[in-house]
Amino acid sequence: MIPDHENYEQQHLLDQIQISSNFGYGVVLISFLSIQGLRVFVKRYATPTSVGEKNRWKWQNIQLSWCHSTITGLGSLYCFYKYPELSQDMVVFINIPTYALAAFSTGYFFSDFVDVISNSQRTAMWEILLHHIAGLSLLVYNVVSCRYIGYTNAALLAEVHSISLHMRKLMQIAGVSLQNPFYKVNSILNFAFFFIFRIFAIAWITFGMFWDRDRVSAVYFYLLGVTLSVIWVINVVLLWRLVKNDILRSLNTTEPTSNGKDARTFNAYSNAENNNRGKHKAA
């Protein structure tokens, strides 16, 4: 996993110094403010009246989640393609694009956390809050230390799956039939991406945690272990909800219902949850 050439780590430690954590703080702040601004725009101009007052906040929040997933999911794919060293050394390798992507995602999760709290969804959205707390603990640690950026980008691969996951919920809110061709295609992609990107990403990080055990701090190792335990449980639940709602339900009805578990919490890592709980990420 570590490139076999002399002075590799020393060279990237110099890069790490050049990429100051102050740059990361700036990206986090810009990301947070930009997402907040986009949130205002979506509320005013991108929320159709057809979604109804009950689903209004949910529609707006999932739209922002979809935007984040599209940017970070495709961004992580680009980073791994453009910089193969990123996958060869998940601990030390760092450059501006990979670090900025991690910082951007951190800003989004802070923004979403604030949105959930400020809209009195603390009890209904406890799954999302748990997911965000677990994810933010690692994101902040990585941004501050300018290390483990490879692991952050690997985690963001799960956001490729969240693109279809959030699109699924948006179509449900819009009343799209389970038999609609677009819904069916998205559902197929959703299941495929769940294993190709989400499960692969989590398994890769889990393996890397033990592979790089001697190269990471004890604090990070145990923090990562606790977070991965939470994420694995969340994604097992997410898979069951997807099977129950998209496969088993389609055998019994031709229309989606608004009371089903939806996809939001399982996030970073995405997310699924009951409409009675207020929102769907997950993932």
C-alpha atoms as a PDB file:
ATOM      1  CA  MET A   1       0.000   0.000   0.000  1.00  0.00           C
ATOM      2  CA  ILE A   2       3.039   2.283   0.445  1.00  0.00           C
ATOM      3  CA  PRO A   3       5.040   3.162  -2.695  1.00  0.00           C
ATOM      4  CA  ASP A   4       8.451   1.514  -2.619  1.00  0.00           C
ATOM      5  CA  HIS A   5      10.810   4.379  -3.310  1.00  0.00           C
ATOM      6  CA  GLU A   6      13.183   6.285  -1.063  1.00  0.00           C
ATOM      7  CA  ASN A   7      12.197   9.410   0.818  1.00  0.00           C
ATOM      8  CA  TYR A   8       8.566   9.118  -0.286  1.00  0.00           C
ATOM      9  CA  GLU A   9       7.080   9.902   3.087  1.00  0.00           C
ATOM     10  CA  GLN A  10       9.556  12.689   3.783  1.00  0.00           C
ATOM     11  CA  GLN A  11       8.675  14.345   0.482  1.00  0.00           C
ATOM     12  CA  HIS A  12       4.974  14.233   1.183  1.00  0.00           C
ATOM     13  CA  LEU A  13       5.513  15.524   4.685  1.00  0.00           C
ATOM     14  CA  LEU A  14       6.983  18.592   2.975  1.00  0.00           C
ATOM     15  CA  ASP A  15       3.885  18.776   0.780  1.00  0.00           C
ATOM     16  CA  GLN A  16       1.820  18.510   3.930  1.00  0.00           C
ATOM     17  CA  ILE A  17       3.596  21.514   5.406  1.00  0.00           C
ATOM     18  CA  GLN A  18       3.059  23.482   2.194  1.00  0.00           C
ATOM     19  CA  ILE A  19      -0.654  22.617   2.316  1.00  0.00           C
ATOM     20  CA  SER A  20      -1.344  24.284   5.638  1.00  0.00           C
ATOM     21  CA  SER A  21      -4.376  23.332   7.664  1.00  0.00           C
ATOM     22  CA  ASN A  22      -5.338  27.022   7.410  1.00  0.00           C
ATOM     23  CA  PHE A  23      -6.151  26.326   3.767  1.00  0.00           C
ATOM     24  CA  GLY A  24      -8.428  23.520   4.909  1.00  0.00           C
ATOM     25  CA  TYR A  25     -10.182  25.757   7.436  1.00  0.00           C
ATOM     26  CA  GLY A  26     -10.803  28.274   4.682  1.00  0.00           C
ATOM     27  CA  VAL A  27     -12.320  25.656   2.378  1.00  0.00           C
ATOM     28  CA  VAL A  28     -14.513  24.353   5.218  1.00  0.00           C
ATOM     29  CA  LEU A  29     -15.806  27.881   5.878  1.00  0.00           C
ATOM     30  CA  ILE A  30     -16.397  28.634   2.190  1.00  0.00           C
ATOM     31  CA  SER A  31     -18.140  25.288   1.764  1.00  0.00           C
ATOM     32  CA  PHE A  32     -20.370  25.895   4.793  1.00  0.00           C
ATOM     33  CA  LEU A  33     -21.378  29.387   3.669  1.00  0.00           C
ATOM     34  CA  SER A  34     -21.920  28.280   0.063  1.00  0.00           C
ATOM     35  CA  ILE A  35     -24.161  25.384   1.108  1.00  0.00           C
ATOM     36  CA  GLN A  36     -26.107  27.698   3.406  1.00  0.00           C
ATOM     37  CA  GLY A  37     -26.566  30.141   0.536  1.00  0.00           C
ATOM     38  CA  LEU A  38     -27.648  27.370  -1.809  1.00  0.00           C
ATOM     39  CA  ARG A  39     -30.063  26.171   0.849  1.00  0.00           C
ATOM     40  CA  VAL A  40     -31.746  29.591   0.839  1.00  0.00           C
ATOM     41  CA  PHE A  41     -31.940  29.512  -2.962  1.00  0.00           C
ATOM     42  CA  VAL A  42     -33.526  26.049  -2.981  1.00  0.00           C
ATOM     43  CA  LYS A  43     -36.098  27.118  -0.398  1.00  0.00           C
ATOM     44  CA  ARG A  44     -37.114  30.154  -2.427  1.00  0.00           C
ATOM     45  CA  TYR A  45     -36.825  29.037  -6.028  1.00  0.00           C
ATOM     46  CA  ALA A  46     -36.365  25.265  -6.343  1.00  0.00           C
ATOM     47  CA  THR A  47     -39.177  23.771  -4.301  1.00  0.00           C
ATOM     48  CA  PRO A  48     -42.274  22.899  -6.374  1.00  0.00           C
ATOM     49  CA  THR A  49     -45.626  23.412  -4.689  1.00  0.00           C
ATOM     50  CA  SER A  50     -46.571  19.855  -5.667  1.00  0.00           C
ATOM     51  CA  VAL A  51     -44.371  18.375  -2.926  1.00  0.00           C
ATOM     52  CA  GLY A  52     -46.709  19.754  -0.285  1.00  0.00           C
ATOM     53  CA  GLU A  53     -45.959  21.504   2.988  1.00  0.00           C
ATOM     54  CA  LYS A  54     -45.341  18.232   4.843  1.00  0.00           C
ATOM     55  CA  ASN A  55     -42.464  17.233   2.551  1.00  0.00           C
ATOM     56  CA  ARG A  56     -41.195  20.726   1.836  1.00  0.00           C
ATOM     57  CA  TRP A  57     -38.194  20.698   4.206  1.00  0.00           C
ATOM     58  CA  LYS A  58     -37.369  17.124   3.291  1.00  0.00           C
ATOM     59  CA  TRP A  59     -37.323  17.929  -0.421  1.00  0.00           C
ATOM     60  CA  GLN A  60     -35.056  20.923   0.121  1.00  0.00           C
ATOM     61  CA  ASN A  61     -32.654  19.017   2.360  1.00  0.00           C
ATOM     62  CA  ILE A  62     -32.368  16.034   0.038  1.00  0.00           C
ATOM     63  CA  GLN A  63     -31.708  18.302  -2.930  1.00  0.00           C
ATOM     64  CA  LEU A  64     -28.686  19.710  -1.096  1.00  0.00           C
ATOM     65  CA  SER A  65     -27.618  16.188  -0.150  1.00  0.00           C
ATOM     66  CA  TRP A  66     -27.837  15.155  -3.799  1.00  0.00           C
ATOM     67  CA  CYS A  67     -25.654  18.103  -4.830  1.00  0.00           C
ATOM     68  CA  HIS A  68     -23.055  17.196  -2.211  1.00  0.00           C
ATOM     69  CA  SER A  69     -23.070  13.543  -3.252  1.00  0.00           C
ATOM     70  CA  THR A  70     -22.635  14.423  -6.920  1.00  0.00           C
ATOM     71  CA  ILE A  71     -19.692  16.755  -6.268  1.00  0.00           C
ATOM     72  CA  THR A  72     -17.840  14.604  -3.736  1.00  0.00           C
ATOM     73  CA  GLY A  73     -18.677  11.225  -5.265  1.00  0.00           C
ATOM     74  CA  LEU A  74     -17.496  12.154  -8.744  1.00  0.00           C
ATOM     75  CA  GLY A  75     -14.690  14.209  -7.212  1.00  0.00           C
ATOM     76  CA  SER A  76     -13.321  11.213  -5.305  1.00  0.00           C
ATOM     77  CA  LEU A  77     -13.442   9.071  -8.449  1.00  0.00           C
ATOM     78  CA  TYR A  78     -11.473  11.757 -10.285  1.00  0.00           C
ATOM     79  CA  CYS A  79      -8.887  12.012  -7.502  1.00  0.00           C
ATOM     80  CA  PHE A  80      -8.220   8.272  -7.427  1.00  0.00           C
ATOM     81  CA  TYR A  81      -7.967   8.213 -11.231  1.00  0.00           C
ATOM     82  CA  LYS A  82      -5.787  11.311 -11.506  1.00  0.00           C
ATOM     83  CA  TYR A  83      -3.538  10.589  -8.532  1.00  0.00           C
ATOM     84  CA  PRO A  84      -2.866   6.835  -8.227  1.00  0.00           C
ATOM     85  CA  GLU A  85      -0.512   7.593  -5.326  1.00  0.00           C
ATOM     86  CA  LEU A  86      -3.625   8.360  -3.290  1.00  0.00           C
ATOM     87  CA  SER A  87      -4.581   4.691  -3.181  1.00  0.00           C
ATOM     88  CA  GLN A  88      -0.977   3.603  -2.685  1.00  0.00           C
ATOM     89  CA  ASP A  89      -0.523   5.617   0.487  1.00  0.00           C
ATOM     90  CA  MET A  90      -3.763   6.421   2.263  1.00  0.00           C
ATOM     91  CA  VAL A  91      -1.981   7.936   5.269  1.00  0.00           C
ATOM     92  CA  VAL A  92       0.544  10.475   3.990  1.00  0.00           C
ATOM     93  CA  PHE A  93      -0.309  11.359   0.386  1.00  0.00           C
ATOM     94  CA  ILE A  94      -1.872  14.797   0.075  1.00  0.00           C
ATOM     95  CA  ASN A  95      -2.298  17.488  -2.555  1.00  0.00           C
ATOM     96  CA  ILE A  96      -4.629  20.420  -3.026  1.00  0.00           C
ATOM     97  CA  PRO A  97      -7.473  18.637  -4.902  1.00  0.00           C
ATOM     98  CA  THR A  98      -7.666  15.674  -2.500  1.00  0.00           C
ATOM     99  CA  TYR A  99      -7.385  17.864   0.587  1.00  0.00           C
ATOM    100  CA  ALA A 100      -9.867  20.447  -0.711  1.00  0.00           C
ATOM    101  CA  LEU A 101     -12.417  17.702  -1.407  1.00  0.00           C
ATOM    102  CA  ALA A 102     -12.138  16.486   2.181  1.00  0.00           C
ATOM    103  CA  ALA A 103     -12.500  20.026   3.517  1.00  0.00           C
ATOM    104  CA  PHE A 104     -15.471  20.751   1.227  1.00  0.00           C
ATOM    105  CA  SER A 105     -17.302  17.682   2.514  1.00  0.00           C
ATOM    106  CA  THR A 106     -16.579  18.736   6.091  1.00  0.00           C
ATOM    107  CA  GLY A 107     -18.243  22.094   5.451  1.00  0.00           C
ATOM    108  CA  TYR A 108     -21.292  20.364   3.995  1.00  0.00           C
ATOM    109  CA  PHE A 109     -21.731  18.040   6.970  1.00  0.00           C
ATOM    110  CA  PHE A 110     -21.531  20.996   9.363  1.00  0.00           C
ATOM    111  CA  SER A 111     -24.175  22.773   7.292  1.00  0.00           C
ATOM    112  CA  ASP A 112     -26.474  19.755   7.226  1.00  0.00           C
ATOM    113  CA  PHE A 113     -26.009  19.193  10.950  1.00  0.00           C
ATOM    114  CA  VAL A 114     -27.068  22.788  11.616  1.00  0.00           C
ATOM    115  CA  ASP A 115     -30.035  22.421   9.246  1.00  0.00           C
ATOM    116  CA  VAL A 116     -31.329  19.341  11.072  1.00  0.00           C
ATOM    117  CA  ILE A 117     -30.933  20.978  14.489  1.00  0.00           C
ATOM    118  CA  SER A 118     -32.415  24.323  13.458  1.00  0.00           C
ATOM    119  CA  ASN A 119     -35.485  22.655  11.960  1.00  0.00           C
ATOM    120  CA  SER A 120     -36.297  20.849  15.226  1.00  0.00           C
ATOM    121  CA  GLN A 121     -35.510  17.431  13.781  1.00  0.00           C
ATOM    122  CA  ARG A 122     -33.221  16.347  16.637  1.00  0.00           C
ATOM    123  CA  THR A 123     -35.431  13.510  17.881  1.00  0.00           C
ATOM    124  CA  ALA A 124     -36.879  12.460  14.529  1.00  0.00           C
ATOM    125  CA  MET A 125     -33.491  12.550  12.818  1.00  0.00           C
ATOM    126  CA  TRP A 126     -31.311  10.927  15.469  1.00  0.00           C
ATOM    127  CA  GLU A 127     -29.943   8.449  12.912  1.00  0.00           C
ATOM    128  CA  ILE A 128     -28.698  11.245  10.682  1.00  0.00           C
ATOM    129  CA  LEU A 129     -27.193  13.085  13.630  1.00  0.00           C
ATOM    130  CA  LEU A 130     -25.388   9.925  14.722  1.00  0.00           C
ATOM    131  CA  HIS A 131     -24.072   9.436  11.182  1.00  0.00           C
ATOM    132  CA  HIS A 132     -22.909  13.058  10.944  1.00  0.00           C
ATOM    133  CA  ILE A 133     -21.233  13.037  14.360  1.00  0.00           C
ATOM    134  CA  ALA A 134     -19.339   9.865  13.444  1.00  0.00           C
ATOM    135  CA  GLY A 135     -18.349  11.234  10.039  1.00  0.00           C
ATOM    136  CA  LEU A 136     -17.433  14.709  11.261  1.00  0.00           C
ATOM    137  CA  SER A 137     -15.182  13.351  13.999  1.00  0.00           C
ATOM    138  CA  LEU A 138     -12.955  11.795  11.328  1.00  0.00           C
ATOM    139  CA  LEU A 139     -13.287  14.570   8.776  1.00  0.00           C
ATOM    140  CA  VAL A 140     -12.258  17.258  11.247  1.00  0.00           C
ATOM    141  CA  TYR A 141      -9.358  15.155  12.534  1.00  0.00           C
ATOM    142  CA  ASN A 142      -8.079  14.611   8.988  1.00  0.00           C
ATOM    143  CA  VAL A 143      -8.454  18.240   7.942  1.00  0.00           C
ATOM    144  CA  VAL A 144      -6.686  19.517  11.062  1.00  0.00           C
ATOM    145  CA  SER A 145      -3.832  16.980  10.855  1.00  0.00           C
ATOM    146  CA  CYS A 146      -3.504  17.088   7.030  1.00  0.00           C
ATOM    147  CA  ARG A 147      -3.179  13.298   7.120  1.00  0.00           C
ATOM    148  CA  TYR A 148      -5.315  10.260   6.220  1.00  0.00           C
ATOM    149  CA  ILE A 149      -6.685  12.153   3.209  1.00  0.00           C
ATOM    150  CA  GLY A 150      -6.672   8.914   1.219  1.00  0.00           C
ATOM    151  CA  TYR A 151      -9.085   7.378   3.709  1.00  0.00           C
ATOM    152  CA  THR A 152     -11.321  10.431   3.508  1.00  0.00           C
ATOM    153  CA  ASN A 153     -11.440  10.215  -0.282  1.00  0.00           C
ATOM    154  CA  ALA A 154     -12.140   6.472  -0.058  1.00  0.00           C
ATOM    155  CA  ALA A 155     -15.052   7.192   2.255  1.00  0.00           C
ATOM    156  CA  LEU A 156     -16.381   9.730  -0.243  1.00  0.00           C
ATOM    157  CA  LEU A 157     -16.624   6.987  -2.868  1.00  0.00           C
ATOM    158  CA  ALA A 158     -19.764   5.956  -0.995  1.00  0.00           C
ATOM    159  CA  GLU A 159     -21.285   9.247  -2.138  1.00  0.00           C
ATOM    160  CA  VAL A 160     -21.466   7.847  -5.674  1.00  0.00           C
ATOM    161  CA  HIS A 161     -24.117   5.496  -4.315  1.00  0.00           C
ATOM    162  CA  SER A 162     -25.802   8.384  -2.521  1.00  0.00           C
ATOM    163  CA  ILE A 163     -26.441  10.072  -5.886  1.00  0.00           C
ATOM    164  CA  SER A 164     -28.948   7.363  -6.810  1.00  0.00           C
ATOM    165  CA  LEU A 165     -30.067   6.991  -3.184  1.00  0.00           C
ATOM    166  CA  HIS A 166     -31.136  10.629  -2.916  1.00  0.00           C
ATOM    167  CA  MET A 167     -32.622  10.626  -6.412  1.00  0.00           C
ATOM    168  CA  ARG A 168     -34.740   7.658  -5.324  1.00  0.00           C
ATOM    169  CA  LYS A 169     -36.220   9.631  -2.448  1.00  0.00           C
ATOM    170  CA  LEU A 170     -36.815  12.734  -4.535  1.00  0.00           C
ATOM    171  CA  MET A 171     -38.821  10.626  -6.984  1.00  0.00           C
ATOM    172  CA  GLN A 172     -40.787   9.110  -4.107  1.00  0.00           C
ATOM    173  CA  ILE A 173     -41.655  12.543  -2.740  1.00  0.00           C
ATOM    174  CA  ALA A 174     -42.676  13.633  -6.248  1.00  0.00           C
ATOM    175  CA  GLY A 175     -45.049  10.645  -6.395  1.00  0.00           C
ATOM    176  CA  VAL A 176     -43.246   8.734  -9.138  1.00  0.00           C
ATOM    177  CA  SER A 177     -44.611   5.205  -9.527  1.00  0.00           C
ATOM    178  CA  LEU A 178     -42.476   2.211  -8.621  1.00  0.00           C
ATOM    179  CA  GLN A 179     -43.285   0.967 -12.124  1.00  0.00           C
ATOM    180  CA  ASN A 180     -41.952   4.109 -13.800  1.00  0.00           C
ATOM    181  CA  PRO A 181     -38.997   3.223 -16.085  1.00  0.00           C
ATOM    182  CA  PHE A 182     -36.834   5.961 -14.598  1.00  0.00           C
ATOM    183  CA  TYR A 183     -37.549   4.758 -11.079  1.00  0.00           C
ATOM    184  CA  LYS A 184     -36.758   1.168 -12.083  1.00  0.00           C
ATOM    185  CA  VAL A 185     -33.455   2.133 -13.707  1.00  0.00           C
ATOM    186  CA  ASN A 186     -32.493   4.240 -10.706  1.00  0.00           C
ATOM    187  CA  SER A 187     -33.427   1.379  -8.384  1.00  0.00           C
ATOM    188  CA  ILE A 188     -31.154  -1.022 -10.293  1.00  0.00           C
ATOM    189  CA  LEU A 189     -28.305   1.485 -10.193  1.00  0.00           C
ATOM    190  CA  ASN A 190     -28.992   2.080  -6.519  1.00  0.00           C
ATOM    191  CA  PHE A 191     -28.484  -1.579  -5.627  1.00  0.00           C
ATOM    192  CA  ALA A 192     -25.456  -1.916  -7.904  1.00  0.00           C
ATOM    193  CA  PHE A 193     -23.800   1.236  -6.542  1.00  0.00           C
ATOM    194  CA  PHE A 194     -24.522   0.119  -2.989  1.00  0.00           C
ATOM    195  CA  PHE A 195     -22.103  -2.798  -3.372  1.00  0.00           C
ATOM    196  CA  ILE A 196     -19.713  -1.321  -5.964  1.00  0.00           C
ATOM    197  CA  PHE A 197     -19.088   1.919  -4.115  1.00  0.00           C
ATOM    198  CA  ARG A 198     -20.526   1.970  -0.596  1.00  0.00           C
ATOM    199  CA  ILE A 199     -19.664  -1.532   0.630  1.00  0.00           C
ATOM    200  CA  PHE A 200     -16.375  -1.521  -1.298  1.00  0.00           C
ATOM    201  CA  ALA A 201     -15.356   1.800   0.265  1.00  0.00           C
ATOM    202  CA  ILE A 202     -16.146   0.709   3.815  1.00  0.00           C
ATOM    203  CA  ALA A 203     -14.424  -2.648   3.339  1.00  0.00           C
ATOM    204  CA  TRP A 204     -11.353  -0.917   1.869  1.00  0.00           C
ATOM    205  CA  ILE A 205     -11.106   1.441   4.843  1.00  0.00           C
ATOM    206  CA  THR A 206     -11.623  -1.417   7.295  1.00  0.00           C
ATOM    207  CA  PHE A 207      -8.788  -3.377   5.691  1.00  0.00           C
ATOM    208  CA  GLY A 208      -6.571  -0.290   5.556  1.00  0.00           C
ATOM    209  CA  MET A 209      -7.145   0.423   9.226  1.00  0.00           C
ATOM    210  CA  PHE A 210      -5.307  -2.793  10.137  1.00  0.00           C
ATOM    211  CA  TRP A 211      -2.816  -2.639   7.253  1.00  0.00           C
ATOM    212  CA  ASP A 212      -1.623   0.809   8.339  1.00  0.00           C
ATOM    213  CA  ARG A 213      -2.006   0.156  12.073  1.00  0.00           C
ATOM    214  CA  ASP A 214       1.647   1.024  12.809  1.00  0.00           C
ATOM    215  CA  ARG A 215       1.466   4.274  10.826  1.00  0.00           C
ATOM    216  CA  VAL A 216      -1.564   5.887  12.447  1.00  0.00           C
ATOM    217  CA  SER A 217      -1.958   7.395  15.891  1.00  0.00           C
ATOM    218  CA  ALA A 218      -3.740   5.427  18.608  1.00  0.00           C
ATOM    219  CA  VAL A 219      -6.413   8.133  18.803  1.00  0.00           C
ATOM    220  CA  TYR A 220      -7.160   7.899  15.093  1.00  0.00           C
ATOM    221  CA  PHE A 221      -7.116   4.090  15.110  1.00  0.00           C
ATOM    222  CA  TYR A 222      -9.736   3.797  17.844  1.00  0.00           C
ATOM    223  CA  LEU A 223     -11.775   6.711  16.503  1.00  0.00           C
ATOM    224  CA  LEU A 224     -11.839   5.057  13.099  1.00  0.00           C
ATOM    225  CA  GLY A 225     -12.753   1.713  14.660  1.00  0.00           C
ATOM    226  CA  VAL A 226     -15.744   3.144  16.503  1.00  0.00           C
ATOM    227  CA  THR A 227     -16.908   5.076  13.432  1.00  0.00           C
ATOM    228  CA  LEU A 228     -16.626   2.038  11.166  1.00  0.00           C
ATOM    229  CA  SER A 229     -18.630  -0.046  13.631  1.00  0.00           C
ATOM    230  CA  VAL A 230     -21.435   2.515  13.484  1.00  0.00           C
ATOM    231  CA  ILE A 231     -21.246   2.766   9.685  1.00  0.00           C
ATOM    232  CA  TRP A 232     -21.350  -1.015   9.164  1.00  0.00           C
ATOM    233  CA  VAL A 233     -24.503  -1.304  11.284  1.00  0.00           C
ATOM    234  CA  ILE A 234     -26.109   1.640   9.502  1.00  0.00           C
ATOM    235  CA  ASN A 235     -25.451   0.130   6.094  1.00  0.00           C
ATOM    236  CA  VAL A 236     -26.811  -3.294   7.004  1.00  0.00           C
ATOM    237  CA  VAL A 237     -30.028  -1.561   8.037  1.00  0.00           C
ATOM    238  CA  LEU A 238     -29.963   0.519   4.853  1.00  0.00           C
ATOM    239  CA  LEU A 239     -29.680  -2.588   2.661  1.00  0.00           C
ATOM    240  CA  TRP A 240     -32.651  -4.220   4.378  1.00  0.00           C
ATOM    241  CA  ARG A 241     -34.752  -1.080   3.955  1.00  0.00           C
ATOM    242  CA  LEU A 242     -33.894  -0.827   0.268  1.00  0.00           C
ATOM    243  CA  VAL A 243     -34.809  -4.477  -0.281  1.00  0.00           C
ATOM    244  CA  LYS A 244     -38.044  -4.112   1.673  1.00  0.00           C
ATOM    245  CA  ASN A 245     -39.141  -0.870   0.027  1.00  0.00           C
ATOM    246  CA  ASP A 246     -37.973  -1.310  -3.572  1.00  0.00           C
ATOM    247  CA  ILE A 247     -38.204  -5.076  -4.090  1.00  0.00           C
ATOM    248  CA  LEU A 248     -40.751  -6.503  -1.677  1.00  0.00           C
ATOM    249  CA  ARG A 249     -43.097  -3.517  -1.959  1.00  0.00           C
ATOM    250  CA  SER A 250     -42.952  -3.553  -5.760  1.00  0.00           C
ATOM    251  CA  LEU A 251     -44.339  -7.092  -5.654  1.00  0.00           C
ATOM    252  CA  ASN A 252     -47.426  -5.877  -3.824  1.00  0.00           C
ATOM    253  CA  THR A 253     -48.135  -2.375  -5.122  1.00  0.00           C
ATOM    254  CA  THR A 254     -47.681  -0.212  -8.188  1.00  0.00           C
ATOM    255  CA  GLU A 255     -47.331   3.087  -6.353  1.00  0.00           C
ATOM    256  CA  PRO A 256     -44.746   4.250  -3.826  1.00  0.00           C
ATOM    257  CA  THR A 257     -46.081   5.208  -0.424  1.00  0.00           C
ATOM    258  CA  SER A 258     -44.846   8.132   1.590  1.00  0.00           C
ATOM    259  CA  ASN A 259     -44.691   6.161   4.847  1.00  0.00           C
ATOM    260  CA  GLY A 260     -41.823   3.924   3.806  1.00  0.00           C
ATOM    261  CA  LYS A 261     -38.292   4.096   5.018  1.00  0.00           C
ATOM    262  CA  ASP A 262     -36.370   6.561   2.959  1.00  0.00           C
ATOM    263  CA  ALA A 263     -32.796   7.146   2.110  1.00  0.00           C
ATOM    264  CA  ARG A 264     -30.926   9.862   3.802  1.00  0.00           C
ATOM    265  CA  THR A 265     -29.186   9.002   7.035  1.00  0.00           C
ATOM    266  CA  PHE A 266     -26.828   6.562   5.484  1.00  0.00           C
ATOM    267  CA  ASN A 267     -24.558   8.844   4.410  1.00  0.00           C
ATOM    268  CA  ALA A 268     -21.231   9.154   4.313  1.00  0.00           C
ATOM    269  CA  TYR A 269     -21.306   6.940   4.463  1.00  0.00           C
ATOM    270  CA  SER A 270     -26.280   7.606   3.091  1.00  0.00           C
ATOM    271  CA  ASN A 271     -29.153   7.077   4.670  1.00  0.00           C
ATOM    272  CA  ALA A 272     -32.656   5.724   4.952  1.00  0.00           C
ATOM    273  CA  GLU A 273     -35.426   6.480   7.299  1.00  0.00           C
ATOM    274  CA  ASN A 274     -39.089   6.712   7.944  1.00  0.00           C
ATOM    275  CA  ASN A 275     -41.141   9.633   6.723  1.00  0.00           C
ATOM    276  CA  ASN A 276     -42.562   9.651  10.222  1.00  0.00           C
ATOM    277  CA  ARG A 277     -39.058  10.547  11.304  1.00  0.00           C
ATOM    278  CA  GLY A 278     -38.916  13.515   9.019  1.00  0.00           C
ATOM    279  CA  LYS A 279     -36.409  12.745   6.313  1.00  0.00           C
ATOM    280  CA  HIS A 280     -35.046   9.813   4.519  1.00  0.00           C
ATOM    281  CA  LYS A 281     -28.800  10.398   3.360  1.00  0.00           C
ATOM    282  CA  ALA A 282     -27.093   6.443   3.174  1.00  0.00           C
ATOM    283  CA  ALA A 283     -23.631   5.256   2.688  1.00  0.00           C
END
